[in-house]
Amino acid sequence: MRLTRNPLAPLFTAATGLASLLTLIEASTPGLSYWALALALYWLVLAIAMAWFVRMLGPGERRRAWKPWMFVPVALALGTVLLVELDAPLHARFALSEPSLERYARSVRDDHDSRRWWGLYWVDDVEKIPGGARFMVTSPTMNWKSYGFAYIPDRVPGPEEGVYEHFRGPWYTWTDGP
């Protein structure tokens, strides 16, 4: 049985693969951006298109026609949901970027030029804070709030400093508001 029996199979597979890739990239940074809304709409359009196509098949054709070529898009979608639910994209991207971010966090001064790539994250802004530094790793124009990582090795940040959540080791995720 061939996966491409239906001419729409490669199209749905590619569209689902693109949605999965973009979703994993979005999930690899702390917080949500406006892209998350666009991705949700993209997933919704994919689901509606798939349901429409299956509905357009005749009753006898439905079972035979959709099963073989739907396996890959459904597996991609379920795999994406599982990885996002486990925070795997965020942890993987951070693990690959941590040495570079930590080196930079230890050397941050008040007169720094921060807009550049540190590891796999584009750092828009770095702020020296008592006992460490915090990085805004998402674009301020594409987010509801500012999000990022904070490196604070010697203390736990207090509630008066902002919203911090322990990530791992001396690292925290932070946001500029509730």
N, C-alpha and C. Protein backbone atom coordinates (compact mmCIF):
# COMPACT_ATOMS: atom_id res chain seq x y z
N MET A 1 0.85 -1.17 0.00
CA MET A 1 0.00 0.00 0.00
C MET A 1 0.90 1.24 0.00
N ARG A 2 0.67 2.13 -0.93
CA ARG A 2 1.50 3.32 -1.05
C ARG A 2 0.91 4.48 -0.26
N LEU A 3 1.80 5.23 0.38
CA LEU A 3 1.37 6.38 1.18
C LEU A 3 0.81 7.48 0.29
N THR A 4 1.30 7.61 -0.92
CA THR A 4 0.91 8.72 -1.78
C THR A 4 -0.21 8.34 -2.74
N ARG A 5 -1.03 7.37 -2.42
CA ARG A 5 -2.15 6.99 -3.28
C ARG A 5 -3.02 8.20 -3.54
N ASN A 6 -3.27 8.98 -2.55
CA ASN A 6 -4.07 10.18 -2.68
C ASN A 6 -3.14 11.34 -3.03
N PRO A 7 -3.47 12.14 -4.04
CA PRO A 7 -2.58 13.25 -4.42
C PRO A 7 -2.46 14.33 -3.34
N LEU A 8 -3.40 14.38 -2.40
CA LEU A 8 -3.31 15.37 -1.33
C LEU A 8 -2.41 14.93 -0.18
N ALA A 9 -2.01 13.67 -0.18
CA ALA A 9 -1.20 13.14 0.92
C ALA A 9 0.10 13.93 1.11
N PRO A 10 0.90 14.15 0.07
CA PRO A 10 2.13 14.91 0.28
C PRO A 10 1.86 16.35 0.74
N LEU A 11 0.79 16.95 0.25
CA LEU A 11 0.45 18.31 0.64
C LEU A 11 0.10 18.38 2.13
N PHE A 12 -0.76 17.49 2.61
CA PHE A 12 -1.12 17.48 4.02
C PHE A 12 0.07 17.13 4.91
N THR A 13 0.90 16.21 4.43
CA THR A 13 2.08 15.83 5.20
C THR A 13 3.04 17.01 5.32
N ALA A 14 3.28 17.72 4.22
CA ALA A 14 4.17 18.87 4.24
C ALA A 14 3.59 20.00 5.11
N ALA A 15 2.29 20.24 4.97
CA ALA A 15 1.65 21.31 5.76
C ALA A 15 1.70 20.97 7.24
N THR A 16 1.50 19.72 7.60
CA THR A 16 1.57 19.31 9.00
C THR A 16 3.01 19.36 9.50
N GLY A 17 3.94 18.97 8.66
CA GLY A 17 5.36 19.06 9.05
C GLY A 17 5.78 20.49 9.31
N LEU A 18 5.33 21.41 8.46
CA LEU A 18 5.64 22.83 8.67
C LEU A 18 5.01 23.35 9.96
N ALA A 19 3.76 22.99 10.19
CA ALA A 19 3.08 23.40 11.42
C ALA A 19 3.81 22.85 12.64
N SER A 20 4.26 21.61 12.56
CA SER A 20 4.98 21.00 13.68
C SER A 20 6.30 21.72 13.93
N LEU A 21 7.06 21.97 12.87
CA LEU A 21 8.35 22.65 13.02
C LEU A 21 8.17 24.04 13.63
N LEU A 22 7.23 24.81 13.11
CA LEU A 22 7.01 26.16 13.64
C LEU A 22 6.52 26.12 15.09
N THR A 23 5.72 25.14 15.42
CA THR A 23 5.23 25.00 16.80
C THR A 23 6.38 24.66 17.74
N LEU A 24 7.27 23.76 17.32
CA LEU A 24 8.40 23.40 18.17
C LEU A 24 9.35 24.58 18.37
N ILE A 25 9.53 25.38 17.32
CA ILE A 25 10.37 26.58 17.46
C ILE A 25 9.72 27.56 18.43
N GLU A 26 8.42 27.78 18.29
CA GLU A 26 7.71 28.70 19.20
C GLU A 26 7.78 28.19 20.63
N ALA A 27 7.68 26.89 20.83
CA ALA A 27 7.69 26.32 22.19
C ALA A 27 9.08 26.26 22.79
N SER A 28 10.11 26.61 22.01
CA SER A 28 11.47 26.53 22.53
C SER A 28 11.94 27.81 23.20
N THR A 29 11.06 28.79 23.32
CA THR A 29 11.37 30.01 24.06
C THR A 29 10.37 30.16 25.20
N PRO A 30 10.76 30.82 26.28
CA PRO A 30 9.80 31.03 27.36
C PRO A 30 8.72 32.01 26.91
N GLY A 31 7.51 31.81 27.41
CA GLY A 31 6.41 32.71 27.10
C GLY A 31 5.78 32.44 25.75
N LEU A 32 4.79 33.24 25.42
CA LEU A 32 4.07 33.12 24.16
C LEU A 32 4.16 34.42 23.38
N SER A 33 4.20 34.27 22.07
CA SER A 33 4.20 35.45 21.21
C SER A 33 2.91 35.44 20.39
N TYR A 34 2.76 36.47 19.58
CA TYR A 34 1.61 36.51 18.69
C TYR A 34 1.67 35.39 17.67
N TRP A 35 2.86 34.87 17.41
CA TRP A 35 2.99 33.73 16.48
C TRP A 35 2.23 32.52 16.99
N ALA A 36 2.11 32.37 18.30
CA ALA A 36 1.37 31.23 18.85
C ALA A 36 -0.09 31.28 18.40
N LEU A 37 -0.67 32.47 18.34
CA LEU A 37 -2.05 32.61 17.86
C LEU A 37 -2.14 32.24 16.38
N ALA A 38 -1.18 32.72 15.59
CA ALA A 38 -1.17 32.38 14.17
C ALA A 38 -1.01 30.87 13.97
N LEU A 39 -0.15 30.25 14.78
CA LEU A 39 0.03 28.80 14.67
C LEU A 39 -1.24 28.04 15.06
N ALA A 40 -1.94 28.52 16.08
CA ALA A 40 -3.19 27.87 16.46
C ALA A 40 -4.20 27.94 15.31
N LEU A 41 -4.25 29.08 14.64
CA LEU A 41 -5.15 29.21 13.48
C LEU A 41 -4.71 28.30 12.34
N TYR A 42 -3.42 28.17 12.13
CA TYR A 42 -2.89 27.28 11.10
C TYR A 42 -3.29 25.84 11.38
N TRP A 43 -3.12 25.40 12.64
CA TRP A 43 -3.53 24.04 13.01
C TRP A 43 -5.03 23.85 12.80
N LEU A 44 -5.81 24.86 13.14
CA LEU A 44 -7.26 24.78 12.96
C LEU A 44 -7.63 24.63 11.49
N VAL A 45 -6.99 25.41 10.62
CA VAL A 45 -7.24 25.32 9.18
C VAL A 45 -6.86 23.92 8.68
N LEU A 46 -5.74 23.39 9.14
CA LEU A 46 -5.36 22.03 8.75
C LEU A 46 -6.42 21.01 9.15
N ALA A 47 -6.89 21.11 10.38
CA ALA A 47 -7.89 20.15 10.87
C ALA A 47 -9.19 20.28 10.08
N ILE A 48 -9.62 21.50 9.79
CA ILE A 48 -10.85 21.71 9.02
C ILE A 48 -10.68 21.17 7.60
N ALA A 49 -9.54 21.43 6.98
CA ALA A 49 -9.29 20.93 5.62
C ALA A 49 -9.30 19.40 5.60
N MET A 50 -8.70 18.80 6.61
CA MET A 50 -8.67 17.35 6.68
C MET A 50 -10.08 16.79 6.86
N ALA A 51 -10.85 17.39 7.76
CA ALA A 51 -12.22 16.92 7.99
C ALA A 51 -13.07 17.11 6.73
N TRP A 52 -12.88 18.23 6.06
CA TRP A 52 -13.63 18.48 4.83
C TRP A 52 -13.31 17.42 3.77
N PHE A 53 -12.03 17.13 3.61
CA PHE A 53 -11.64 16.15 2.60
C PHE A 53 -12.22 14.78 2.91
N VAL A 54 -12.12 14.34 4.15
CA VAL A 54 -12.65 13.03 4.52
C VAL A 54 -14.17 13.01 4.33
N ARG A 55 -14.81 14.10 4.64
CA ARG A 55 -16.28 14.17 4.48
C ARG A 55 -16.68 14.12 3.01
N MET A 56 -15.86 14.67 2.13
CA MET A 56 -16.18 14.69 0.70
C MET A 56 -16.08 13.31 0.06
N LEU A 57 -15.38 12.39 0.70
CA LEU A 57 -15.29 11.04 0.17
C LEU A 57 -16.64 10.34 0.36
N GLY A 58 -16.93 9.43 -0.52
CA GLY A 58 -18.16 8.65 -0.37
C GLY A 58 -18.05 7.73 0.84
N PRO A 59 -19.18 7.25 1.37
CA PRO A 59 -19.17 6.42 2.58
C PRO A 59 -18.26 5.19 2.49
N GLY A 60 -18.26 4.48 1.38
CA GLY A 60 -17.41 3.30 1.26
C GLY A 60 -15.94 3.65 1.08
N GLU A 61 -15.69 4.80 0.46
CA GLU A 61 -14.30 5.21 0.19
C GLU A 61 -13.61 5.77 1.43
N ARG A 62 -14.37 6.30 2.37
CA ARG A 62 -13.78 6.98 3.52
C ARG A 62 -12.79 6.12 4.26
N ARG A 63 -13.21 4.95 4.64
CA ARG A 63 -12.33 4.09 5.43
C ARG A 63 -11.09 3.69 4.66
N ARG A 64 -11.26 3.31 3.42
CA ARG A 64 -10.12 2.85 2.62
C ARG A 64 -9.17 3.99 2.27
N ALA A 65 -9.69 5.15 1.94
CA ALA A 65 -8.87 6.21 1.36
C ALA A 65 -8.04 6.98 2.38
N TRP A 66 -8.57 7.23 3.54
CA TRP A 66 -7.84 8.13 4.43
C TRP A 66 -6.84 7.45 5.31
N LYS A 67 -7.03 6.21 5.67
CA LYS A 67 -6.14 5.56 6.65
C LYS A 67 -4.67 5.54 6.24
N PRO A 68 -4.31 5.07 5.05
CA PRO A 68 -2.88 4.95 4.74
C PRO A 68 -2.13 6.27 4.76
N TRP A 69 -2.68 7.31 4.16
CA TRP A 69 -1.91 8.54 4.05
C TRP A 69 -2.07 9.47 5.23
N MET A 70 -2.99 9.20 6.10
CA MET A 70 -3.18 10.04 7.28
C MET A 70 -2.23 9.68 8.42
N PHE A 71 -1.59 8.55 8.35
CA PHE A 71 -0.73 8.12 9.45
C PHE A 71 0.37 9.14 9.74
N VAL A 72 1.08 9.59 8.72
CA VAL A 72 2.22 10.49 8.94
C VAL A 72 1.76 11.84 9.49
N PRO A 73 0.76 12.52 8.90
CA PRO A 73 0.34 13.80 9.49
C PRO A 73 -0.19 13.66 10.92
N VAL A 74 -0.94 12.61 11.19
CA VAL A 74 -1.46 12.41 12.54
C VAL A 74 -0.31 12.13 13.51
N ALA A 75 0.66 11.32 13.10
CA ALA A 75 1.81 11.03 13.95
C ALA A 75 2.62 12.31 14.22
N LEU A 76 2.79 13.15 13.20
CA LEU A 76 3.50 14.42 13.39
C LEU A 76 2.76 15.31 14.39
N ALA A 77 1.45 15.41 14.24
CA ALA A 77 0.67 16.26 15.14
C ALA A 77 0.72 15.74 16.57
N LEU A 78 0.54 14.44 16.76
CA LEU A 78 0.57 13.88 18.11
C LEU A 78 1.97 13.97 18.72
N GLY A 79 2.99 13.75 17.91
CA GLY A 79 4.37 13.89 18.40
C GLY A 79 4.66 15.32 18.83
N THR A 80 4.17 16.27 18.07
CA THR A 80 4.36 17.68 18.41
C THR A 80 3.67 18.02 19.73
N VAL A 81 2.44 17.55 19.88
CA VAL A 81 1.70 17.79 21.13
C VAL A 81 2.47 17.20 22.31
N LEU A 82 2.96 15.99 22.17
CA LEU A 82 3.69 15.33 23.25
C LEU A 82 4.96 16.10 23.61
N LEU A 83 5.75 16.49 22.61
CA LEU A 83 6.99 17.23 22.87
C LEU A 83 6.72 18.58 23.52
N VAL A 84 5.70 19.28 23.06
CA VAL A 84 5.38 20.58 23.66
C VAL A 84 4.89 20.39 25.09
N GLU A 85 4.07 19.37 25.31
CA GLU A 85 3.55 19.12 26.66
C GLU A 85 4.67 18.79 27.64
N LEU A 86 5.72 18.14 27.18
CA LEU A 86 6.87 17.78 28.02
C LEU A 86 7.90 18.92 28.12
N ASP A 87 7.67 20.03 27.45
CA ASP A 87 8.61 21.16 27.38
C ASP A 87 9.95 20.76 26.77
N ALA A 88 9.95 19.72 25.96
CA ALA A 88 11.19 19.24 25.34
C ALA A 88 11.85 20.29 24.45
N PRO A 89 11.12 21.04 23.62
CA PRO A 89 11.80 22.03 22.78
C PRO A 89 12.53 23.10 23.61
N LEU A 90 11.90 23.58 24.67
CA LEU A 90 12.52 24.59 25.53
C LEU A 90 13.77 24.04 26.20
N HIS A 91 13.68 22.86 26.77
CA HIS A 91 14.82 22.27 27.47
C HIS A 91 15.96 21.92 26.51
N ALA A 92 15.63 21.42 25.33
CA ALA A 92 16.67 21.05 24.37
C ALA A 92 17.41 22.29 23.85
N ARG A 93 16.66 23.31 23.45
CA ARG A 93 17.30 24.52 22.93
C ARG A 93 18.12 25.21 24.02
N PHE A 94 17.58 25.23 25.24
CA PHE A 94 18.33 25.85 26.33
C PHE A 94 19.61 25.06 26.63
N ALA A 95 19.53 23.73 26.65
CA ALA A 95 20.72 22.92 26.94
C ALA A 95 21.82 23.18 25.92
N LEU A 96 21.44 23.36 24.66
CA LEU A 96 22.44 23.64 23.63
C LEU A 96 22.99 25.06 23.75
N SER A 97 22.24 25.96 24.34
CA SER A 97 22.64 27.37 24.45
C SER A 97 23.25 27.72 25.80
N GLU A 98 23.07 26.88 26.79
CA GLU A 98 23.47 27.22 28.16
C GLU A 98 24.94 27.63 28.30
N PRO A 99 25.90 26.91 27.72
CA PRO A 99 27.30 27.34 27.92
C PRO A 99 27.55 28.77 27.42
N SER A 100 27.01 29.11 26.28
CA SER A 100 27.20 30.45 25.73
C SER A 100 26.49 31.49 26.59
N LEU A 101 25.25 31.20 27.00
CA LEU A 101 24.51 32.14 27.84
C LEU A 101 25.19 32.34 29.19
N GLU A 102 25.69 31.27 29.77
CA GLU A 102 26.34 31.38 31.09
C GLU A 102 27.63 32.18 31.00
N ARG A 103 28.43 31.92 29.95
CA ARG A 103 29.67 32.70 29.77
C ARG A 103 29.34 34.19 29.68
N TYR A 104 28.32 34.49 28.92
CA TYR A 104 27.94 35.88 28.76
C TYR A 104 27.37 36.45 30.06
N ALA A 105 26.55 35.70 30.75
CA ALA A 105 25.94 36.18 32.00
C ALA A 105 27.01 36.52 33.03
N ARG A 106 28.09 35.77 33.06
CA ARG A 106 29.16 36.02 34.03
C ARG A 106 29.95 37.29 33.68
N SER A 107 29.89 37.74 32.44
CA SER A 107 30.70 38.88 32.02
C SER A 107 29.88 40.14 31.74
N VAL A 108 28.59 40.12 32.02
CA VAL A 108 27.74 41.28 31.72
C VAL A 108 28.18 42.49 32.53
N ARG A 109 28.29 43.60 31.81
CA ARG A 109 28.60 44.89 32.44
C ARG A 109 27.46 45.84 32.10
N ASP A 110 27.49 47.00 32.69
CA ASP A 110 26.44 47.98 32.41
C ASP A 110 26.53 48.56 31.00
N ASP A 111 27.70 48.51 30.40
CA ASP A 111 27.90 49.09 29.06
C ASP A 111 28.00 48.00 28.00
N HIS A 112 27.12 47.04 28.04
CA HIS A 112 27.17 45.90 27.13
C HIS A 112 26.36 46.17 25.85
N ASP A 113 26.74 45.47 24.80
CA ASP A 113 25.97 45.47 23.56
C ASP A 113 25.38 44.07 23.45
N SER A 114 24.08 43.95 23.67
CA SER A 114 23.50 42.64 23.87
C SER A 114 22.74 42.08 22.68
N ARG A 115 22.42 42.87 21.70
CA ARG A 115 21.57 42.39 20.61
C ARG A 115 22.38 41.51 19.66
N ARG A 116 22.36 40.20 19.96
CA ARG A 116 23.07 39.24 19.12
C ARG A 116 22.67 37.84 19.52
N TRP A 117 23.18 36.87 18.80
CA TRP A 117 22.92 35.46 19.11
C TRP A 117 23.83 35.02 20.24
N TRP A 118 23.24 34.40 21.24
CA TRP A 118 23.99 33.73 22.30
C TRP A 118 23.46 32.31 22.32
N GLY A 119 24.28 31.38 21.85
CA GLY A 119 23.81 30.02 21.66
C GLY A 119 22.77 30.03 20.55
N LEU A 120 21.63 29.40 20.77
CA LEU A 120 20.57 29.34 19.78
C LEU A 120 19.48 30.39 20.01
N TYR A 121 19.73 31.33 20.90
CA TYR A 121 18.74 32.37 21.20
C TYR A 121 19.22 33.72 20.72
N TRP A 122 18.31 34.46 20.09
CA TRP A 122 18.58 35.86 19.78
C TRP A 122 18.26 36.64 21.05
N VAL A 123 19.25 37.31 21.59
CA VAL A 123 19.08 38.06 22.82
C VAL A 123 18.84 39.52 22.45
N ASP A 124 17.65 40.01 22.80
CA ASP A 124 17.29 41.39 22.48
C ASP A 124 17.81 42.37 23.51
N ASP A 125 17.86 41.93 24.75
CA ASP A 125 18.26 42.84 25.80
C ASP A 125 18.85 42.04 26.95
N VAL A 126 19.87 42.57 27.58
CA VAL A 126 20.47 41.96 28.76
C VAL A 126 20.51 43.02 29.84
N GLU A 127 20.13 42.61 31.02
CA GLU A 127 20.14 43.54 32.14
C GLU A 127 20.96 42.93 33.27
N LYS A 128 21.90 43.70 33.78
CA LYS A 128 22.66 43.26 34.94
C LYS A 128 21.76 43.44 36.15
N ILE A 129 21.59 42.38 36.93
CA ILE A 129 20.76 42.44 38.14
C ILE A 129 21.62 42.00 39.32
N PRO A 130 21.22 42.29 40.54
CA PRO A 130 22.03 41.88 41.69
C PRO A 130 22.30 40.37 41.69
N GLY A 131 23.56 40.02 41.62
CA GLY A 131 23.97 38.63 41.67
C GLY A 131 23.89 37.89 40.35
N GLY A 132 23.60 38.58 39.24
CA GLY A 132 23.51 37.87 37.97
C GLY A 132 23.09 38.76 36.82
N ALA A 133 22.39 38.15 35.88
CA ALA A 133 21.93 38.88 34.69
C ALA A 133 20.66 38.23 34.19
N ARG A 134 19.89 39.01 33.46
CA ARG A 134 18.71 38.41 32.82
C ARG A 134 18.68 38.80 31.36
N PHE A 135 18.21 37.87 30.56
CA PHE A 135 18.21 37.98 29.11
C PHE A 135 16.78 37.99 28.59
N MET A 136 16.46 38.92 27.71
CA MET A 136 15.19 38.84 27.01
C MET A 136 15.49 38.12 25.70
N VAL A 137 14.91 36.94 25.55
CA VAL A 137 15.23 36.11 24.39
C VAL A 137 14.12 36.08 23.36
N THR A 138 13.12 36.90 23.52
CA THR A 138 12.05 36.98 22.54
C THR A 138 11.87 38.43 22.14
N SER A 139 11.39 38.65 20.96
CA SER A 139 11.25 40.00 20.45
C SER A 139 10.15 40.76 21.18
N PRO A 140 10.43 41.96 21.63
CA PRO A 140 9.40 42.73 22.34
C PRO A 140 8.25 43.15 21.44
N THR A 141 8.45 43.20 20.14
CA THR A 141 7.37 43.61 19.24
C THR A 141 6.43 42.46 18.93
N MET A 142 6.79 41.24 19.23
CA MET A 142 5.96 40.10 18.87
C MET A 142 5.40 39.38 20.09
N ASN A 143 5.50 39.96 21.25
CA ASN A 143 5.04 39.31 22.47
C ASN A 143 4.08 40.20 23.23
N TRP A 144 3.25 39.56 24.02
CA TRP A 144 2.38 40.30 24.92
C TRP A 144 3.20 40.94 26.04
N LYS A 145 4.22 40.23 26.47
CA LYS A 145 5.11 40.70 27.54
C LYS A 145 6.54 40.34 27.16
N SER A 146 7.48 40.81 27.96
CA SER A 146 8.88 40.42 27.78
C SER A 146 9.13 39.15 28.57
N TYR A 147 9.79 38.19 27.93
CA TYR A 147 10.13 36.92 28.56
C TYR A 147 11.61 36.65 28.37
N GLY A 148 12.15 35.80 29.22
CA GLY A 148 13.53 35.42 29.03
C GLY A 148 14.04 34.54 30.14
N PHE A 149 15.36 34.49 30.22
CA PHE A 149 16.05 33.70 31.24
C PHE A 149 16.82 34.63 32.16
N ALA A 150 16.95 34.23 33.40
CA ALA A 150 17.77 34.97 34.36
C ALA A 150 18.79 34.01 34.95
N TYR A 151 20.02 34.47 35.03
CA TYR A 151 21.10 33.70 35.64
C TYR A 151 21.39 34.32 37.00
N ILE A 152 21.01 33.61 38.06
CA ILE A 152 21.20 34.12 39.42
C ILE A 152 21.75 32.97 40.27
N PRO A 153 23.09 32.82 40.31
CA PRO A 153 23.66 31.64 40.97
C PRO A 153 23.69 31.67 42.49
N ASP A 154 23.67 32.85 43.11
CA ASP A 154 23.92 32.91 44.55
C ASP A 154 22.71 33.21 45.43
N ARG A 155 21.55 33.37 44.84
CA ARG A 155 20.38 33.71 45.65
C ARG A 155 19.11 33.36 44.89
N VAL A 156 18.00 33.44 45.58
CA VAL A 156 16.69 33.24 44.97
C VAL A 156 16.06 34.61 44.80
N PRO A 157 15.59 34.95 43.60
CA PRO A 157 15.00 36.28 43.42
C PRO A 157 13.71 36.42 44.21
N GLY A 158 13.51 37.61 44.75
CA GLY A 158 12.31 37.89 45.54
C GLY A 158 11.14 38.32 44.67
N PRO A 159 9.93 38.28 45.22
CA PRO A 159 8.75 38.65 44.45
C PRO A 159 8.73 40.12 44.02
N GLU A 160 9.44 40.96 44.73
CA GLU A 160 9.48 42.38 44.38
C GLU A 160 10.33 42.64 43.13
N GLU A 161 11.12 41.65 42.69
CA GLU A 161 11.99 41.80 41.54
C GLU A 161 11.31 41.45 40.22
N GLY A 162 10.14 40.86 40.28
CA GLY A 162 9.46 40.43 39.06
C GLY A 162 8.96 39.01 39.22
N VAL A 163 8.48 38.45 38.14
CA VAL A 163 7.94 37.10 38.16
C VAL A 163 9.02 36.14 37.66
N TYR A 164 9.56 35.36 38.59
CA TYR A 164 10.60 34.39 38.27
C TYR A 164 10.10 32.99 38.58
N GLU A 165 10.49 32.05 37.75
CA GLU A 165 10.17 30.65 38.00
C GLU A 165 11.47 29.85 37.81
N HIS A 166 11.80 29.04 38.80
CA HIS A 166 13.05 28.27 38.70
C HIS A 166 12.99 27.36 37.48
N PHE A 167 14.06 27.38 36.70
CA PHE A 167 14.13 26.56 35.49
C PHE A 167 15.02 25.35 35.73
N ARG A 168 16.30 25.61 36.01
CA ARG A 168 17.23 24.54 36.39
C ARG A 168 18.54 25.16 36.84
N GLY A 169 19.14 24.54 37.84
CA GLY A 169 20.39 25.07 38.38
C GLY A 169 20.23 26.53 38.79
N PRO A 170 21.17 27.40 38.35
CA PRO A 170 21.07 28.82 38.70
C PRO A 170 20.20 29.62 37.73
N TRP A 171 19.45 28.95 36.89
CA TRP A 171 18.65 29.60 35.85
C TRP A 171 17.19 29.69 36.23
N TYR A 172 16.58 30.81 35.86
CA TYR A 172 15.16 31.06 36.07
C TYR A 172 14.57 31.56 34.75
N THR A 173 13.30 31.31 34.55
CA THR A 173 12.59 32.02 33.49
C THR A 173 11.94 33.22 34.17
N TRP A 174 11.78 34.30 33.44
CA TRP A 174 11.19 35.50 34.03
C TRP A 174 10.26 36.15 33.01
N THR A 175 9.38 36.94 33.52
CA THR A 175 8.50 37.77 32.71
C THR A 175 8.35 39.11 33.41
N ASP A 176 8.02 40.10 32.61
CA ASP A 176 7.93 41.45 33.19
C ASP A 176 6.60 41.73 33.86
N GLY A 177 5.72 40.78 33.93
CA GLY A 177 4.44 41.01 34.61
C GLY A 177 3.72 39.71 34.89
N PRO A 178 2.60 39.78 35.62
CA PRO A 178 1.88 38.56 35.99
C PRO A 178 1.24 37.83 34.82
